[in-house]
């Protein structure tokens, strides 16, 4: 029940964040390029990369509710695959096939690159302490034995 509760609370927070972006960059119809959805999804992917670094590397072991709250809840509520799919379809149906294909390509490829960039940036801004590197190297050496 705790996991469900933190996912729900995180989802509400993330959804309000997305709502704020949509209010700042309104999307007026299916033929208009959905910049708000694109930006929220790319930003969410970037933040997911940062989160992955902190939860699985920097804070390891992180609190067991950190990933459900931050990743599934907040970032899951902030990003939106269903709106992405609906927007891509809307552009295509409106006869804007080129922008639809660009939107899909930038969303998918950009999302993967944003996750990688987020993780890389977090690792550069918050590197593991030297003692942790030494411990990890020792553990790797012992695993090989």
Protein backbone atom coordinates (compact mmCIF):
# COMPACT_ATOMS: atom_id res chain seq x y z
CA UNK A 1 0.00 0.00 0.00
CA UNK A 2 2.89 2.42 0.67
CA UNK A 3 4.21 2.00 -2.86
CA UNK A 4 0.78 2.65 -4.32
CA UNK A 5 0.40 5.73 -2.12
CA UNK A 6 3.74 7.27 -3.11
CA UNK A 7 3.11 6.54 -6.80
CA UNK A 8 -0.30 8.22 -6.54
CA UNK A 9 1.05 11.30 -4.73
CA UNK A 10 3.97 11.53 -7.17
CA UNK A 11 1.58 11.15 -10.10
CA UNK A 12 -0.49 14.09 -8.91
CA UNK A 13 2.63 16.24 -8.57
CA UNK A 14 3.90 15.25 -12.03
CA UNK A 15 0.52 15.80 -13.64
CA UNK A 16 0.31 19.32 -12.23
CA UNK A 17 3.80 19.96 -13.62
CA UNK A 18 2.70 18.86 -17.08
CA UNK A 19 -0.47 20.93 -16.79
CA UNK A 20 1.71 23.97 -16.06
CA UNK A 21 3.80 23.42 -19.19
CA UNK A 22 0.66 22.98 -21.31
CA UNK A 23 -0.74 26.23 -19.88
CA UNK A 24 2.48 28.04 -20.84
CA UNK A 25 2.61 26.48 -24.33
CA UNK A 26 -1.00 25.74 -25.33
CA UNK A 27 -1.68 23.29 -28.14
CA UNK A 28 -4.67 24.59 -30.06
CA UNK A 29 -5.53 21.68 -32.30
CA UNK A 30 -4.41 18.48 -34.00
CA UNK A 31 -2.77 20.31 -36.92
CA UNK A 32 -0.54 22.44 -34.63
CA UNK A 33 2.88 21.08 -33.67
CA UNK A 34 2.61 19.78 -30.05
CA UNK A 35 5.63 21.56 -28.57
CA UNK A 36 4.39 21.29 -24.96
CA UNK A 37 4.09 17.51 -25.14
CA UNK A 38 7.46 17.21 -26.86
CA UNK A 39 9.18 19.38 -24.25
CA UNK A 40 7.58 17.65 -21.26
CA UNK A 41 8.50 14.22 -22.60
CA UNK A 42 12.09 15.20 -23.41
CA UNK A 43 12.52 16.95 -20.06
CA UNK A 44 11.02 13.93 -18.31
CA UNK A 45 13.50 11.66 -20.09
CA UNK A 46 16.40 13.92 -19.13
CA UNK A 47 15.25 13.90 -15.50
CA UNK A 48 14.84 10.11 -15.63
CA UNK A 49 18.50 9.84 -16.61
CA UNK A 50 19.45 12.03 -13.66
CA UNK A 51 17.23 9.97 -11.38
CA UNK A 52 18.77 6.70 -12.56
CA UNK A 53 22.23 7.99 -11.67
CA UNK A 54 21.24 9.09 -8.21
CA UNK A 55 19.07 6.11 -7.27
CA UNK A 56 21.21 3.31 -8.68
CA UNK A 57 24.69 4.78 -8.31
CA UNK A 58 25.08 7.83 -6.10
CA UNK A 59 22.61 7.02 -3.31
CA UNK A 60 22.86 3.24 -3.62
CA UNK A 61 21.16 1.78 -1.82
CA UNK A 62 18.42 4.41 -2.15
CA UNK A 63 15.26 4.37 -0.05
CA UNK A 64 12.92 1.69 -1.42
CA UNK A 65 10.19 4.25 -2.13
CA UNK A 66 12.43 6.73 -3.97
CA UNK A 67 12.08 5.17 -7.42
CA UNK A 68 8.31 4.57 -7.22
CA UNK A 69 7.71 8.12 -5.98
CA UNK A 70 10.13 10.00 -8.23
CA UNK A 71 10.27 7.81 -11.34
CA UNK A 72 6.90 6.10 -11.65
CA UNK A 73 4.91 8.77 -9.84
CA UNK A 74 6.31 12.22 -10.59
CA UNK A 75 8.03 11.55 -13.92
CA UNK A 76 5.32 9.11 -14.99
CA UNK A 77 2.68 11.76 -14.30
CA UNK A 78 4.76 14.48 -15.96
CA UNK A 79 5.44 12.62 -19.21
CA UNK A 80 2.72 11.25 -21.44
CA UNK A 81 2.96 8.54 -24.06
CA UNK A 82 -0.76 8.57 -24.82
CA UNK A 83 -0.80 12.29 -25.64
CA UNK A 84 2.34 11.83 -27.74
CA UNK A 85 0.58 9.11 -29.77
CA UNK A 86 -2.61 11.16 -30.10
CA UNK A 87 -0.67 14.26 -31.19
CA UNK A 88 1.30 12.29 -33.80
CA UNK A 89 -1.93 10.85 -35.16
CA UNK A 90 -3.56 14.30 -35.19
CA UNK A 91 -0.73 15.76 -37.27
CA UNK A 92 -0.89 12.84 -39.72
CA UNK A 93 -4.69 12.98 -40.07
CA UNK A 94 -4.48 16.75 -40.65
CA UNK A 95 -2.22 16.01 -43.64
CA UNK A 96 0.95 17.16 -41.88
CA UNK A 97 2.85 13.92 -42.43
CA UNK A 98 6.30 15.57 -42.42
CA UNK A 99 5.83 17.28 -39.06
CA UNK A 100 4.25 14.08 -37.69
CA UNK A 101 7.29 12.02 -38.67
CA UNK A 102 9.66 14.66 -37.28
CA UNK A 103 7.66 14.74 -34.03
CA UNK A 104 7.82 10.95 -33.66
CA UNK A 105 11.53 10.78 -34.51
CA UNK A 106 12.51 13.66 -32.21
CA UNK A 107 10.35 12.26 -29.41
CA UNK A 108 11.74 8.71 -29.59
CA UNK A 109 15.38 9.36 -30.49
CA UNK A 110 15.48 12.56 -28.44
CA UNK A 111 13.98 10.74 -25.45
CA UNK A 112 16.63 8.02 -25.51
CA UNK A 113 19.39 10.61 -25.94
CA UNK A 114 17.91 12.75 -23.15
CA UNK A 115 18.00 9.81 -20.71
CA UNK A 116 21.65 9.21 -21.60
CA UNK A 117 22.46 12.93 -21.34
CA UNK A 118 20.73 13.18 -17.97
CA UNK A 119 22.65 10.24 -16.54
CA UNK A 120 25.94 11.48 -17.99
CA UNK A 121 25.36 15.02 -16.69
CA UNK A 122 24.44 13.79 -13.22
CA UNK A 123 27.55 11.61 -13.11
CA UNK A 124 29.71 14.59 -14.06
CA UNK A 125 28.03 16.99 -11.62
CA UNK A 126 27.87 14.50 -8.73
CA UNK A 127 30.65 11.96 -9.21
CA UNK A 128 30.95 8.99 -6.92
CA UNK A 129 33.31 9.53 -3.99
CA UNK A 130 36.80 8.07 -4.49
CA UNK A 131 36.26 5.57 -1.66
CA UNK A 132 33.19 4.26 -3.47
CA UNK A 133 35.17 3.76 -6.70
CA UNK A 134 37.82 1.84 -4.78
CA UNK A 135 35.17 -0.31 -3.11
CA UNK A 136 33.44 -1.01 -6.44
CA UNK A 137 36.76 -1.93 -8.10
CA UNK A 138 37.58 -4.31 -5.23
CA UNK A 139 34.14 -5.90 -5.48
CA UNK A 140 34.62 -6.34 -9.25
CA UNK A 141 38.02 -7.95 -8.70
CA UNK A 142 36.58 -10.29 -6.08
CA UNK A 143 33.69 -11.22 -8.40
CA UNK A 144 36.16 -12.28 -11.08
CA UNK A 145 37.87 -14.68 -8.66
